[in-house]
Protein backbone atom coordinates (compact mmCIF):
# COMPACT_ATOMS: atom_id res chain seq x y z
CA MET A 1 -10.68 77.27 -75.77
CA VAL A 2 -7.19 76.55 -74.60
CA ARG A 3 -5.99 78.36 -77.52
CA ASN A 4 -7.73 81.65 -76.96
CA GLN A 5 -6.50 81.70 -73.31
CA ALA A 6 -3.12 81.23 -74.15
CA SER A 7 -3.51 84.08 -76.75
CA SER A 8 -5.11 86.20 -74.27
CA MET A 9 -1.96 86.02 -71.90
CA SER A 10 0.67 88.49 -72.61
CA LEU A 11 4.03 87.68 -73.72
CA GLY A 12 5.37 88.87 -70.51
CA VAL A 13 3.37 86.46 -68.50
CA ARG A 14 4.13 83.40 -71.00
CA LEU A 15 7.91 84.21 -70.76
CA GLY A 16 7.62 84.71 -66.90
CA MET A 17 6.04 81.13 -66.76
CA ILE A 18 8.53 79.51 -68.70
CA MET A 19 11.26 81.29 -66.62
CA GLY A 20 9.69 80.00 -63.52
CA VAL A 21 9.68 76.41 -64.69
CA PHE A 22 13.43 76.87 -65.70
CA ALA A 23 14.27 78.14 -62.41
CA LEU A 24 12.34 75.36 -60.74
CA LEU A 25 14.32 72.87 -62.85
CA ILE A 26 17.61 74.37 -62.07
CA VAL A 27 16.96 74.43 -58.37
CA GLY A 28 15.75 70.69 -58.75
CA ILE A 29 19.00 69.57 -60.34
CA VAL A 30 21.00 71.31 -58.02
CA GLY A 31 19.20 69.78 -55.09
CA VAL A 32 19.41 66.31 -56.50
CA SER A 33 23.18 67.02 -57.26
CA SER A 34 23.69 67.89 -53.66
CA TRP A 35 21.88 65.03 -52.35
CA VAL A 36 23.83 62.62 -54.42
CA THR A 37 27.16 64.15 -53.47
CA SER A 38 26.41 63.87 -49.73
CA ALA A 39 25.20 60.17 -50.11
CA GLN A 40 28.65 59.19 -51.97
CA LYS A 41 30.78 60.46 -48.95
CA ALA A 42 30.50 57.40 -46.94
CA ASN A 43 31.60 55.32 -50.14
CA ALA A 44 34.34 57.68 -50.98
CA GLN A 45 35.89 57.06 -47.23
CA VAL A 46 35.60 53.25 -47.74
CA ILE A 47 37.26 53.44 -51.14
CA ASN A 48 39.98 55.53 -49.60
CA LEU A 49 40.60 53.13 -46.65
CA ALA A 50 40.60 50.10 -49.05
CA SER A 51 43.17 51.83 -51.24
CA ARG A 52 45.50 52.69 -48.45
CA GLN A 53 45.16 49.05 -47.34
CA ARG A 54 46.10 47.69 -50.65
CA MET A 55 49.15 50.16 -50.96
CA LEU A 56 50.37 49.04 -47.49
CA THR A 57 49.89 45.43 -48.62
CA GLN A 58 51.96 46.16 -51.67
CA LYS A 59 54.70 48.01 -49.93
CA PHE A 60 55.00 45.26 -47.41
CA ASN A 61 55.30 42.52 -50.20
CA LYS A 62 58.03 44.71 -51.92
CA GLU A 63 60.16 45.18 -48.79
CA PHE A 64 59.56 41.67 -47.92
CA LEU A 65 60.85 40.44 -51.32
CA ASP A 66 63.63 43.08 -51.34
CA GLU A 67 64.94 41.59 -48.03
CA LEU A 68 64.51 38.02 -49.42
CA ASN A 69 66.46 39.00 -52.52
CA ASP A 70 69.28 40.58 -50.34
CA ARG A 71 69.57 37.51 -48.25
CA GLN A 72 69.84 35.23 -51.11
CA LEU A 73 72.41 37.38 -52.79
CA VAL A 74 74.49 37.33 -49.41
CA ALA A 75 74.35 33.64 -49.11
CA ALA A 76 75.36 32.98 -52.81
CA ALA A 77 78.35 35.13 -52.38
């Protein structure tokens, strides 16, 4: 019975249905991608802040150790 209905639909109708399903899948994929991207923006801000703090800590430590090294060289001379 189903086979008779499928064979009675024209090729254009079947292709149209396939293209419609394909279009819905594409719209769904784009929607999910957009939603995930917007959900990750807050995470990106936290990661950027943590990275900046880490770099500032490294810069502070480098400058401190450079100053300490300079003072040791002056004391040794």
